[in-house]
């Protein structure tokens, strides 16, 4: 587990709404990767002056001939037989290229189970580190806490990532994010919601929870009751969680994926996000 420190976002107006995206589960390398949809969402983040993002992992499929799920008919034609001799580098470099336009808006990168298993078995633990350096962002491992500080500065146009020395202004709102690639193989609506709620209850001190892995989109808001520091007043504490969709189609005409063989539900394509209005201390899930 990692602690990612504090990221600082400066914004200009009391009415501004900041969007934080959980961009995950691309599975680049599979013929079932919905690259057009991925490109569309990347362009939304690039063109929106108030959008930032975390990477949720599984950016690459990394299923090699030694993997029991290997099926040559499911490999993207963007990769050649020669690439199989250096599959990790080939796919990670491709991901870095498509994320280049939004790297200045990245708050940090998790790794997913596809990266973790490939790197472990192929002794290539450098791949995640290389991607983070290439995108000039922090490596959040598989699971992390990270705080985001929002500072209003009337001189700021839109919203920008800044360092601590530049984060001067009026409103200073700090939100703690709990980030995990996700776990398990829940295949029902109730099972997926239960997985999200478990994270929200087990790691109870965060404000926002971002989970991936299940290739579906759902959100949950939980309110809890506590007392203030002097224990003379009841206060409400609200937190929001999202499970993000992905970009690997379960069912693709002309091929048979391992998800199809197992009878998984069709993937909800796209990324979930949360919206934050710092001057109103308001957080909402968008799925």
Foldseek 3Di string as FASTA:
>chain_A
DEALEEWEKEFADLFDKAKEWAAEQQQQFWQQRQVVLVLVQLVVQLPALRYAYEYLANNHNQDAPVHPQDDVQGTHPVDDPVCSVVVLVVSLVVSLVSNVSRLQRYAEYEHDPNVVVNCVVVVPVCSQVVSCVSSVYYYQYQKYKYKYWYAHDNVDHRMGIDDPVPRDHDQIDMFIEIGHQFDDADQDPVVVVVRFVVVCVVVVPGAEYEYEDHLEKDKDKDKDWDADPVRPDIDIHMHMYIYFHHRRFCDDPPDHGPSVVVPGDTGDYDIKIWMASRSVRDIDTGD
